[in-house]
Every structure is written in structure tokens, then in C-alpha cells.
PDB file of N, CA and C in Angstrom:
ATOM      1  N   MET A   1     -25.510 -32.235  31.159  1.00  0.00           N
ATOM      2  CA  MET A   1     -23.963 -32.922  32.070  1.00  0.00           C
ATOM      3  C   MET A   1     -24.017 -32.116  33.485  1.00  0.00           C
ATOM      4  N   ARG A   2     -24.436 -30.910  33.725  1.00  0.00           N
ATOM      5  CA  ARG A   2     -23.965 -30.125  34.966  1.00  0.00           C
ATOM      6  C   ARG A   2     -25.438 -30.521  35.261  1.00  0.00           C
ATOM      7  N   ALA A   3     -26.486 -30.868  34.810  1.00  0.00           N
ATOM      8  CA  ALA A   3     -27.667 -31.081  35.510  1.00  0.00           C
ATOM      9  C   ALA A   3     -27.353 -32.261  36.746  1.00  0.00           C
ATOM     10  N   LEU A   4     -26.691 -33.304  35.868  1.00  0.00           N
ATOM     11  CA  LEU A   4     -26.275 -34.436  36.446  1.00  0.00           C
ATOM     12  C   LEU A   4     -25.017 -34.246  38.069  1.00  0.00           C
ATOM     13  N   PHE A   5     -24.264 -33.279  37.119  1.00  0.00           N
ATOM     14  CA  PHE A   5     -23.610 -33.308  38.002  1.00  0.00           C
ATOM     15  C   PHE A   5     -24.499 -32.407  39.635  1.00  0.00           C
ATOM     16  N   ARG A   6     -24.890 -31.765  39.215  1.00  0.00           N
ATOM     17  CA  ARG A   6     -25.918 -31.104  40.478  1.00  0.00           C
ATOM     18  C   ARG A   6     -26.300 -32.269  40.858  1.00  0.00           C
ATOM     19  N   TRP A   7     -27.266 -33.119  40.051  1.00  0.00           N
ATOM     20  CA  TRP A   7     -27.941 -33.787  41.099  1.00  0.00           C
ATOM     21  C   TRP A   7     -27.106 -35.074  42.577  1.00  0.00           C
ATOM     22  N   LEU A   8     -25.924 -35.112  41.803  1.00  0.00           N
ATOM     23  CA  LEU A   8     -25.026 -36.028  42.588  1.00  0.00           C
ATOM     24  C   LEU A   8     -24.495 -35.517  43.506  1.00  0.00           C
ATOM     25  N   PHE A   9     -23.962 -34.283  43.159  1.00  0.00           N
ATOM     26  CA  PHE A   9     -23.495 -33.628  44.345  1.00  0.00           C
ATOM     27  C   PHE A   9     -24.636 -33.105  45.675  1.00  0.00           C
ATOM     28  N   ARG A  10     -25.671 -33.197  45.129  1.00  0.00           N
ATOM     29  CA  ARG A  10     -26.943 -32.956  46.724  1.00  0.00           C
ATOM     30  C   ARG A  10     -27.440 -34.004  46.899  1.00  0.00           C
ATOM     31  N   ARG A  11     -27.326 -35.088  46.295  1.00  0.00           N
ATOM     32  CA  ARG A  11     -27.296 -36.799  46.872  1.00  0.00           C
ATOM     33  C   ARG A  11     -26.260 -36.823  48.017  1.00  0.00           C
ATOM     34  N   GLU A  12     -24.837 -36.516  47.491  1.00  0.00           N
ATOM     35  CA  GLU A  12     -23.907 -36.307  48.228  1.00  0.00           C
ATOM     36  C   GLU A  12     -23.961 -35.546  49.612  1.00  0.00           C
ATOM     37  N   GLU A  13     -24.493 -34.558  49.184  1.00  0.00           N
ATOM     38  CA  GLU A  13     -24.958 -33.096  50.377  1.00  0.00           C
ATOM     39  C   GLU A  13     -25.689 -33.488  51.417  1.00  0.00           C
ATOM     40  N   SER A  14     -26.392 -34.481  50.952  1.00  0.00           N
ATOM     41  CA  SER A  14     -27.820 -34.339  51.969  1.00  0.00           C
ATOM     42  C   SER A  14     -27.532 -35.759  52.407  1.00  0.00           C
ATOM     43  N   SER A  15     -26.716 -36.683  52.530  1.00  0.00           N
ATOM     44  CA  SER A  15     -26.301 -37.931  53.057  1.00  0.00           C
ATOM     45  C   SER A  15     -25.088 -37.681  53.743  1.00  0.00           C
ATOM     46  N   LEU A  16     -24.673 -36.150  53.697  1.00  0.00           N
ATOM     47  CA  LEU A  16     -23.587 -35.971  54.835  1.00  0.00           C
ATOM     48  C   LEU A  16     -24.320 -35.016  56.065  1.00  0.00           C
ATOM     49  N   ARG A  17     -25.411 -34.121  55.254  1.00  0.00           N
ATOM     50  CA  ARG A  17     -26.417 -33.401  56.449  1.00  0.00           C
ATOM     51  C   ARG A  17     -27.030 -34.566  57.297  1.00  0.00           C
ATOM     52  N   ARG A  18     -27.203 -35.849  57.288  1.00  0.00           N
ATOM     53  CA  ARG A  18     -27.859 -36.570  57.762  1.00  0.00           C
ATOM     54  C   ARG A  18     -27.208 -37.205  58.567  1.00  0.00           C
ATOM     55  N   LEU A  19     -25.820 -37.163  58.664  1.00  0.00           N
ATOM     56  CA  LEU A  19     -24.807 -38.035  59.565  1.00  0.00           C
ATOM     57  C   LEU A  19     -25.203 -36.797  60.870  1.00  0.00           C
ATOM     58  N   GLY A  20     -24.634 -35.719  60.724  1.00  0.00           N
ATOM     59  CA  GLY A  20     -24.955 -34.694  61.997  1.00  0.00           C
ATOM     60  C   GLY A  20     -24.495 -34.940  63.197  1.00  0.00           C
ATOM     61  N   SER A  21     -22.826 -34.969  62.648  1.00  0.00           N
ATOM     62  CA  SER A  21     -21.825 -35.302  64.094  1.00  0.00           C
ATOM     63  C   SER A  21     -20.585 -34.498  63.445  1.00  0.00           C
ATOM     64  N   ALA A  22     -19.696 -34.410  64.256  1.00  0.00           N
ATOM     65  CA  ALA A  22     -18.680 -33.216  64.211  1.00  0.00           C
ATOM     66  C   ALA A  22     -17.686 -34.571  63.859  1.00  0.00           C
ATOM     67  N   TYR A  23     -18.296 -35.881  63.786  1.00  0.00           N
ATOM     68  CA  TYR A  23     -16.986 -37.079  62.653  1.00  0.00           C
ATOM     69  C   TYR A  23     -17.035 -37.179  61.733  1.00  0.00           C
ATOM     70  N   ARG A  24     -15.812 -37.681  61.293  1.00  0.00           N
ATOM     71  CA  ARG A  24     -16.296 -38.192  59.855  1.00  0.00           C
ATOM     72  C   ARG A  24     -16.401 -39.123  59.781  1.00  0.00           C
ATOM     73  N   SER A  25     -17.251 -39.214  58.583  1.00  0.00           N
ATOM     74  CA  SER A  25     -17.666 -40.850  58.143  1.00  0.00           C
ATOM     75  C   SER A  25     -17.528 -41.994  56.829  1.00  0.00           C
ATOM     76  N   ALA A  26     -17.456 -42.739  56.966  1.00  0.00           N
ATOM     77  CA  ALA A  26     -17.116 -43.503  55.948  1.00  0.00           C
ATOM     78  C   ALA A  26     -17.494 -42.755  54.095  1.00  0.00           C
ATOM     79  N   VAL A  27     -18.314 -42.591  54.563  1.00  0.00           N
ATOM     80  CA  VAL A  27     -19.212 -42.139  53.467  1.00  0.00           C
ATOM     81  C   VAL A  27     -18.323 -39.975  53.040  1.00  0.00           C
ATOM     82  N   TYR A  28     -17.484 -39.507  54.169  1.00  0.00           N
ATOM     83  CA  TYR A  28     -17.104 -38.290  54.084  1.00  0.00           C
ATOM     84  C   TYR A  28     -16.241 -38.532  53.028  1.00  0.00           C
ATOM     85  N   ARG A  29     -16.883 -37.242  51.959  1.00  0.00           N
ATOM     86  CA  ARG A  29     -15.346 -36.873  51.147  1.00  0.00           C
ATOM     87  C   ARG A  29     -14.869 -35.743  50.749  1.00  0.00           C
ATOM     88  N   PRO A  30     -13.873 -35.359  50.962  1.00  0.00           N
ATOM     89  CA  PRO A  30     -13.497 -33.633  50.990  1.00  0.00           C
ATOM     90  C   PRO A  30     -13.686 -33.043  49.251  1.00  0.00           C
ATOM     91  N   LEU A  31     -14.333 -31.695  49.646  1.00  0.00           N
ATOM     92  CA  LEU A  31     -14.376 -30.811  48.547  1.00  0.00           C
ATOM     93  C   LEU A  31     -13.318 -30.811  47.473  1.00  0.00           C
ATOM     94  N   LEU A  32     -13.874 -30.990  46.397  1.00  0.00           N
ATOM     95  CA  LEU A  32     -12.896 -31.217  45.200  1.00  0.00           C
ATOM     96  C   LEU A  32     -13.013 -29.383  44.775  1.00  0.00           C
ATOM     97  N   PRO A  33     -11.889 -28.993  44.022  1.00  0.00           N
ATOM     98  CA  PRO A  33     -12.025 -28.035  42.729  1.00  0.00           C
ATOM     99  C   PRO A  33     -13.656 -28.207  42.369  1.00  0.00           C
ATOM    100  N   SER A  34     -13.617 -28.504  41.542  1.00  0.00           N
ATOM    101  CA  SER A  34     -14.877 -28.773  40.171  1.00  0.00           C
ATOM    102  C   SER A  34     -15.686 -29.185  41.250  1.00  0.00           C
ATOM    103  N   GLN A  35     -16.101 -29.281  42.530  1.00  0.00           N
ATOM    104  CA  GLN A  35     -17.283 -29.641  42.870  1.00  0.00           C
ATOM    105  C   GLN A  35     -17.335 -27.631  43.340  1.00  0.00           C
ATOM    106  N   VAL A  36     -16.651 -27.164  43.870  1.00  0.00           N
ATOM    107  CA  VAL A  36     -16.642 -25.645  44.877  1.00  0.00           C
ATOM    108  C   VAL A  36     -16.695 -24.674  42.944  1.00  0.00           C
ATOM    109  N   ARG A  37     -16.107 -25.509  41.712  1.00  0.00           N
ATOM    110  CA  ARG A  37     -16.887 -24.287  40.291  1.00  0.00           C
ATOM    111  C   ARG A  37     -17.905 -24.123  40.009  1.00  0.00           C
ATOM    112  N   LEU A  38     -18.471 -25.878  40.245  1.00  0.00           N
ATOM    113  CA  LEU A  38     -19.688 -25.913  39.750  1.00  0.00           C
ATOM    114  C   LEU A  38     -20.921 -25.613  40.603  1.00  0.00           C
ATOM    115  N   ARG A  39     -20.884 -25.058  42.393  1.00  0.00           N
ATOM    116  CA  ARG A  39     -21.650 -24.891  42.977  1.00  0.00           C
ATOM    117  C   ARG A  39     -22.172 -23.539  42.694  1.00  0.00           C
ATOM    118  N   ARG A  40     -23.367 -23.283  42.254  1.00  0.00           N
ATOM    119  CA  ARG A  40     -24.525 -22.118  42.046  1.00  0.00           C
ATOM    120  C   ARG A  40     -25.721 -21.802  43.027  1.00  0.00           C
ATOM    121  N   PHE A  41     -25.424 -20.552  43.488  1.00  0.00           N
ATOM    122  CA  PHE A  41     -26.841 -20.235  44.439  1.00  0.00           C
ATOM    123  C   PHE A  41     -27.549 -19.560  43.573  1.00  0.00           C
ATOM    124  N   ALA A  42     -28.769 -19.589  44.311  1.00  0.00           N
ATOM    125  CA  ALA A  42     -30.025 -19.440  44.023  1.00  0.00           C
ATOM    126  C   ALA A  42     -30.151 -17.721  43.619  1.00  0.00           C
ATOM    127  N   PRO A  43     -31.008 -17.022  42.506  1.00  0.00           N
ATOM    128  CA  PRO A  43     -31.016 -15.644  42.322  1.00  0.00           C
ATOM    129  C   PRO A  43     -31.426 -15.442  43.692  1.00  0.00           C
ATOM    130  N   VAL A  44     -31.227 -14.071  43.720  1.00  0.00           N
ATOM    131  CA  VAL A  44     -32.090 -13.365  45.074  1.00  0.00           C
ATOM    132  C   VAL A  44     -33.532 -12.417  43.758  1.00  0.00           C
ATOM    133  N   GLY A  45     -34.706 -12.319  44.125  1.00  0.00           N
ATOM    134  CA  GLY A  45     -35.801 -11.841  43.035  1.00  0.00           C
ATOM    135  C   GLY A  45     -35.746 -10.218  43.404  1.00  0.00           C
ATOM    136  N   PHE A  46     -36.287  -9.619  42.796  1.00  0.00           N
ATOM    137  CA  PHE A  46     -36.222  -8.111  42.470  1.00  0.00           C
ATOM    138  C   PHE A  46     -36.992  -7.294  44.081  1.00  0.00           C
ATOM    139  N   GLY A  47     -35.995  -6.665  44.432  1.00  0.00           N
ATOM    140  CA  GLY A  47     -36.208  -6.037  45.600  1.00  0.00           C
ATOM    141  C   GLY A  47     -36.377  -6.514  46.256  1.00  0.00           C
ATOM    142  N   ARG A  48     -35.377  -7.829  46.834  1.00  0.00           N
ATOM    143  CA  ARG A  48     -34.893  -8.433  48.207  1.00  0.00           C
ATOM    144  C   ARG A  48     -33.585  -8.000  48.447  1.00  0.00           C
ATOM    145  N   ARG A  49     -33.264  -8.146  49.433  1.00  0.00           N
ATOM    146  CA  ARG A  49     -32.016  -8.544  50.086  1.00  0.00           C
ATOM    147  C   ARG A  49     -31.323  -9.428  49.815  1.00  0.00           C
ATOM    148  N   GLY A  50     -29.710  -9.983  49.422  1.00  0.00           N
ATOM    149  CA  GLY A  50     -29.287 -11.133  49.063  1.00  0.00           C
ATOM    150  C   GLY A  50     -28.248 -10.910  48.622  1.00  0.00           C
ATOM    151  N   VAL A  51     -27.077 -12.010  48.518  1.00  0.00           N
ATOM    152  CA  VAL A  51     -25.569 -11.599  48.318  1.00  0.00           C
ATOM    153  C   VAL A  51     -25.961 -11.653  46.680  1.00  0.00           C
ATOM    154  N   ASP A  52     -24.387 -10.522  46.613  1.00  0.00           N
ATOM    155  CA  ASP A  52     -24.105 -10.164  44.470  1.00  0.00           C
ATOM    156  C   ASP A  52     -23.867 -11.721  43.985  1.00  0.00           C
ATOM    157  N   PRO A  53     -24.695 -12.474  43.820  1.00  0.00           N
ATOM    158  CA  PRO A  53     -24.503 -13.504  42.126  1.00  0.00           C
ATOM    159  C   PRO A  53     -22.888 -13.509  42.174  1.00  0.00           C
ATOM    160  N   GLU A  54     -22.257 -12.407  41.913  1.00  0.00           N
ATOM    161  CA  GLU A  54     -20.415 -11.724  41.415  1.00  0.00           C
ATOM    162  C   GLU A  54     -19.478 -12.351  42.168  1.00  0.00           C
ATOM    163  N   GLU A  55     -20.138 -11.753  43.531  1.00  0.00           N
ATOM    164  CA  GLU A  55     -19.222 -12.161  44.611  1.00  0.00           C
ATOM    165  C   GLU A  55     -19.042 -13.147  44.750  1.00  0.00           C
ATOM    166  N   VAL A  56     -19.836 -14.679  44.947  1.00  0.00           N
ATOM    167  CA  VAL A  56     -20.404 -15.663  45.103  1.00  0.00           C
ATOM    168  C   VAL A  56     -19.137 -16.244  44.593  1.00  0.00           C
ATOM    169  N   THR A  57     -19.564 -16.314  43.145  1.00  0.00           N
ATOM    170  CA  THR A  57     -18.866 -17.130  42.085  1.00  0.00           C
ATOM    171  C   THR A  57     -17.402 -16.234  42.066  1.00  0.00           C
ATOM    172  N   GLU A  58     -17.560 -15.380  42.544  1.00  0.00           N
ATOM    173  CA  GLU A  58     -15.630 -14.526  42.505  1.00  0.00           C
ATOM    174  C   GLU A  58     -15.152 -15.765  43.675  1.00  0.00           C
ATOM    175  N   PHE A  59     -16.045 -15.383  44.919  1.00  0.00           N
ATOM    176  CA  PHE A  59     -15.296 -16.386  45.711  1.00  0.00           C
ATOM    177  C   PHE A  59     -15.026 -18.109  45.451  1.00  0.00           C
ATOM    178  N   LEU A  60     -15.904 -18.300  44.810  1.00  0.00           N
ATOM    179  CA  LEU A  60     -16.197 -19.717  44.659  1.00  0.00           C
ATOM    180  C   LEU A  60     -14.825 -19.938  43.960  1.00  0.00           C
ATOM    181  N   GLU A  61     -14.463 -19.292  42.939  1.00  0.00           N
ATOM    182  CA  GLU A  61     -13.106 -19.289  41.847  1.00  0.00           C
ATOM    183  C   GLU A  61     -12.158 -19.415  43.466  1.00  0.00           C
ATOM    184  N   GLN A  62     -12.011 -18.382  43.737  1.00  0.00           N
ATOM    185  CA  GLN A  62     -11.183 -18.262  45.021  1.00  0.00           C
ATOM    186  C   GLN A  62     -10.520 -19.433  46.184  1.00  0.00           C
ATOM    187  N   VAL A  63     -11.603 -19.969  46.074  1.00  0.00           N
ATOM    188  CA  VAL A  63     -11.778 -21.066  47.191  1.00  0.00           C
ATOM    189  C   VAL A  63     -11.661 -22.535  46.329  1.00  0.00           C
ATOM    190  N   ALA A  64     -11.799 -22.937  45.116  1.00  0.00           N
ATOM    191  CA  ALA A  64     -11.398 -24.106  44.256  1.00  0.00           C
ATOM    192  C   ALA A  64     -10.003 -23.764  43.910  1.00  0.00           C
ATOM    193  N   GLY A  65      -9.174 -22.625  43.431  1.00  0.00           N
ATOM    194  CA  GLY A  65      -7.875 -22.822  43.356  1.00  0.00           C
ATOM    195  C   GLY A  65      -7.030 -23.137  44.649  1.00  0.00           C
ATOM    196  N   ASP A  66      -7.533 -22.124  45.804  1.00  0.00           N
ATOM    197  CA  ASP A  66      -6.752 -22.582  47.053  1.00  0.00           C
ATOM    198  C   ASP A  66      -7.232 -24.276  47.322  1.00  0.00           C
ATOM    199  N   LEU A  67      -7.976 -24.420  46.990  1.00  0.00           N
ATOM    200  CA  LEU A  67      -8.205 -26.145  46.797  1.00  0.00           C
ATOM    201  C   LEU A  67      -7.378 -26.632  46.026  1.00  0.00           C
ATOM    202  N   ALA A  68      -6.956 -26.301  44.718  1.00  0.00           N
ATOM    203  CA  ALA A  68      -6.350 -26.998  43.694  1.00  0.00           C
ATOM    204  C   ALA A  68      -4.741 -27.088  44.257  1.00  0.00           C
ATOM    205  N   ARG A  69      -4.587 -25.717  45.054  1.00  0.00           N
ATOM    206  CA  ARG A  69      -3.081 -25.574  45.152  1.00  0.00           C
ATOM    207  C   ARG A  69      -2.628 -26.828  46.512  1.00  0.00           C
ATOM    208  N   ALA A  70      -3.774 -26.731  47.611  1.00  0.00           N
ATOM    209  CA  ALA A  70      -3.519 -27.556  48.307  1.00  0.00           C
ATOM    210  C   ALA A  70      -3.475 -29.245  48.254  1.00  0.00           C
ATOM    211  N   TYR A  71      -4.346 -29.812  47.111  1.00  0.00           N
ATOM    212  CA  TYR A  71      -4.273 -31.239  47.122  1.00  0.00           C
ATOM    213  C   TYR A  71      -2.995 -30.907  46.109  1.00  0.00           C
ATOM    214  N   ALA A  72      -2.300 -30.007  45.288  1.00  0.00           N
ATOM    215  CA  ALA A  72      -1.326 -30.302  44.295  1.00  0.00           C
ATOM    216  C   ALA A  72      -0.003 -30.363  45.318  1.00  0.00           C
ATOM    217  N   GLU A  73      -0.192 -29.682  46.355  1.00  0.00           N
ATOM    218  CA  GLU A  73       0.545 -29.984  47.543  1.00  0.00           C
ATOM    219  C   GLU A  73       0.662 -30.940  48.230  1.00  0.00           C
ATOM    220  N   LEU A  74      -0.372 -31.499  48.571  1.00  0.00           N
ATOM    221  CA  LEU A  74      -0.588 -32.749  49.030  1.00  0.00           C
ATOM    222  C   LEU A  74       0.180 -33.924  48.253  1.00  0.00           C
ATOM    223  N   ALA A  75      -0.429 -33.887  47.354  1.00  0.00           N
ATOM    224  CA  ALA A  75       0.196 -34.856  46.292  1.00  0.00           C
ATOM    225  C   ALA A  75       1.722 -34.454  45.658  1.00  0.00           C
ATOM    226  N   GLY A  76       2.068 -33.725  46.451  1.00  0.00           N
ATOM    227  CA  GLY A  76       3.850 -33.870  46.038  1.00  0.00           C
ATOM    228  C   GLY A  76       4.441 -34.319  47.288  1.00  0.00           C
ATOM    229  N   VAL A  77       3.846 -34.133  48.760  1.00  0.00           N
ATOM    230  CA  VAL A  77       4.539 -34.494  49.931  1.00  0.00           C
ATOM    231  C   VAL A  77       4.438 -35.651  49.673  1.00  0.00           C
ATOM    232  N   ARG A  78       2.878 -36.764  49.595  1.00  0.00           N
ATOM    233  CA  ARG A  78       3.254 -37.672  49.395  1.00  0.00           C
ATOM    234  C   ARG A  78       3.848 -38.325  48.748  1.00  0.00           C
ATOM    235  N   GLU A  79       4.166 -38.466  47.804  1.00  0.00           N
ATOM    236  CA  GLU A  79       5.203 -38.660  46.661  1.00  0.00           C
ATOM    237  C   GLU A  79       6.451 -38.412  47.002  1.00  0.00           C
ATOM    238  N   GLN A  80       7.421 -37.289  48.223  1.00  0.00           N
ATOM    239  CA  GLN A  80       7.862 -37.153  48.847  1.00  0.00           C
ATOM    240  C   GLN A  80       8.544 -38.103  50.008  1.00  0.00           C
ATOM    241  N   ASN A  81       7.151 -38.988  50.488  1.00  0.00           N
ATOM    242  CA  ASN A  81       7.100 -39.948  51.702  1.00  0.00           C
ATOM    243  C   ASN A  81       7.133 -41.222  51.135  1.00  0.00           C
ATOM    244  N   ALA A  82       6.816 -41.529  49.736  1.00  0.00           N
ATOM    245  CA  ALA A  82       7.217 -42.401  49.036  1.00  0.00           C
ATOM    246  C   ALA A  82       8.596 -42.462  48.449  1.00  0.00           C
ATOM    247  N   ARG A  83       8.748 -41.792  48.090  1.00  0.00           N
ATOM    248  CA  ARG A  83      10.621 -41.915  48.145  1.00  0.00           C
ATOM    249  C   ARG A  83      11.619 -41.851  49.503  1.00  0.00           C
ATOM    250  N   ILE A  84      11.018 -41.638  50.868  1.00  0.00           N
ATOM    251  CA  ILE A  84      11.713 -41.426  51.362  1.00  0.00           C
ATOM    252  C   ILE A  84      11.384 -42.937  52.169  1.00  0.00           C
ATOM    253  N   LYS A  85      10.131 -43.346  52.104  1.00  0.00           N
ATOM    254  CA  LYS A  85       9.919 -44.771  52.158  1.00  0.00           C
ATOM    255  C   LYS A  85      10.921 -45.697  51.904  1.00  0.00           C
ATOM    256  N   ASP A  86      11.078 -45.503  50.411  1.00  0.00           N
ATOM    257  CA  ASP A  86      11.288 -46.794  49.980  1.00  0.00           C
ATOM    258  C   ASP A  86      13.091 -46.273  50.020  1.00  0.00           C
ATOM    259  N   ALA A  87      13.731 -45.104  50.128  1.00  0.00           N
ATOM    260  CA  ALA A  87      15.154 -45.128  50.295  1.00  0.00           C
ATOM    261  C   ALA A  87      15.576 -45.704  51.961  1.00  0.00           C
ATOM    262  N   LEU A  88      14.231 -45.648  52.719  1.00  0.00           N
ATOM    263  CA  LEU A  88      14.305 -45.899  54.348  1.00  0.00           C
ATOM    264  C   LEU A  88      14.589 -47.599  54.307  1.00  0.00           C
ATOM    265  N   ARG A  89      13.744 -48.568  53.189  1.00  0.00           N
ATOM    266  CA  ARG A  89      14.201 -49.746  52.912  1.00  0.00           C
ATOM    267  C   ARG A  89      15.008 -50.151  52.588  1.00  0.00           C
ATOM    268  N   ARG A  90      15.917 -49.246  51.382  1.00  0.00           N
ATOM    269  CA  ARG A  90      16.629 -49.989  50.851  1.00  0.00           C
ATOM    270  C   ARG A  90      17.932 -49.830  51.700  1.00  0.00           C
ATOM    271  N   TRP A  91      17.906 -48.848  52.683  1.00  0.00           N
ATOM    272  CA  TRP A  91      19.056 -48.815  53.803  1.00  0.00           C
ATOM    273  C   TRP A  91      18.808 -50.025  54.775  1.00  0.00           C
ATOM    274  N   GLN A  92      17.466 -49.986  55.476  1.00  0.00           N
ATOM    275  CA  GLN A  92      17.197 -50.916  56.043  1.00  0.00           C
ATOM    276  C   GLN A  92      17.510 -52.914  55.738  1.00  0.00           C
ATOM    277  N   SER A  93      17.670 -52.838  54.068  1.00  0.00           N
ATOM    278  CA  SER A  93      18.030 -54.011  53.736  1.00  0.00           C
ATOM    279  C   SER A  93      19.283 -54.114  53.481  1.00  0.00           C
ATOM    280  N   ARG A  94      19.956 -53.129  52.870  1.00  0.00           N
ATOM    281  CA  ARG A  94      21.450 -52.974  53.492  1.00  0.00           C
ATOM    282  C   ARG A  94      22.187 -53.558  54.408  1.00  0.00           C
ATOM    283  N   GLN A  95      21.567 -52.680  55.829  1.00  0.00           N
ATOM    284  CA  GLN A  95      22.196 -53.089  57.402  1.00  0.00           C
ATOM    285  C   GLN A  95      22.118 -54.437  57.533  1.00  0.00           C
ATOM    286  N   VAL A  96      20.612 -55.114  57.068  1.00  0.00           N
ATOM    287  CA  VAL A  96      20.869 -56.560  57.461  1.00  0.00           C
ATOM    288  C   VAL A  96      21.486 -57.172  56.759  1.00  0.00           C
ATOM    289  N   SER A  97      22.019 -57.069  55.364  1.00  0.00           N
ATOM    290  CA  SER A  97      22.626 -58.065  55.021  1.00  0.00           C
ATOM    291  C   SER A  97      24.097 -57.687  55.195  1.00  0.00           C
ATOM    292  N   THR A  98      24.936 -56.592  55.687  1.00  0.00           N
ATOM    293  CA  THR A  98      25.979 -55.977  56.107  1.00  0.00           C
ATOM    294  C   THR A  98      25.961 -56.835  57.822  1.00  0.00           C
ATOM    295  N   ALA A  99      24.884 -56.799  58.382  1.00  0.00           N
ATOM    296  CA  ALA A  99      24.723 -57.583  59.761  1.00  0.00           C
ATOM    297  C   ALA A  99      25.244 -58.991  59.824  1.00  0.00           C
ATOM    298  N   HIS A 100      24.433 -59.526  58.391  1.00  0.00           N
ATOM    299  CA  HIS A 100      24.664 -60.840  58.176  1.00  0.00           C
ATOM    300  C   HIS A 100      25.956 -61.340  57.857  1.00  0.00           C
ATOM    301  N   GLY A 101      26.783 -60.501  57.249  1.00  0.00           N
ATOM    302  CA  GLY A 101      27.966 -60.849  56.501  1.00  0.00           C
ATOM    303  C   GLY A 101      29.288 -60.924  57.650  1.00  0.00           C
ATOM    304  N   LEU A 102      29.042 -60.121  58.961  1.00  0.00           N
ATOM    305  CA  LEU A 102      29.422 -59.780  59.846  1.00  0.00           C
ATOM    306  C   LEU A 102      28.989 -61.100  60.955  1.00  0.00           C
ATOM    307  N   ALA A 103      28.722 -60.999  60.914  1.00  0.00           N
ATOM    308  CA  ALA A 103      27.742 -62.573  61.775  1.00  0.00           C
ATOM    309  C   ALA A 103      28.596 -63.426  61.346  1.00  0.00           C
ATOM    310  N   ARG A 104      28.463 -63.430  60.005  1.00  0.00           N
ATOM    311  CA  ARG A 104      28.996 -64.748  59.391  1.00  0.00           C
ATOM    312  C   ARG A 104      30.586 -65.295  59.401  1.00  0.00           C
ATOM    313  N   ARG A 105      31.467 -64.467  59.685  1.00  0.00           N
ATOM    314  CA  ARG A 105      32.779 -64.166  59.927  1.00  0.00           C
ATOM    315  C   ARG A 105      33.092 -64.628  61.107  1.00  0.00           C
TER     316      ARG A 105
END
């Protein structure tokens, strides 16, 4: 299953690399926490310099947590926005019906 996810994410990453521009296209999708958690780096060979895989994993977990919190906060803001829009529509409907009632007098 992980191999399938890796294959899908590689295809998505390669299509994004081909774009080569600073503008986001219709195929752009922001990183998901699961994408960051599943990302693995190739280990370095013996006697070569490279990054510590444990540090990279720790960092990826931190980034995934930050992304998860950001997405949760964004969902809350969207929900609040929908409630405010609904309240505004109801208020506007009441104002229109009141205005029509006053005009009939």
C-alpha cells in the first residue's frame, strides 16, 4: 500500500516540477499531513556525508503536525464564515420583508 502511495505522490510531484513557474495551476494541491508523514529520504552510504534520517523523520513529523493544525484551523474558519453568511442572509431577508411591509402602508 505504501508503494502505491509513493508512486502516486511521485507522479503528482513530477507533474508539478514540469510546470516550472511561480504561479499555481489547476493541478496544484497543497501538501497533506499524510504526504509529509509518508515522505522518506534515501539513506546515505557508509562513509559519506548526509543528513541524519532520524532528524529528517522528526522534522517531517513536526511539519505534518503543523499542517494538521493549520488545516483544522482553516476548517474552523470556513465553518464560522458559513455561519456568518447564513446569518447575514437571514438578516437581509428580514430587512426586505420589513421594507415591503412599510411600503404597503
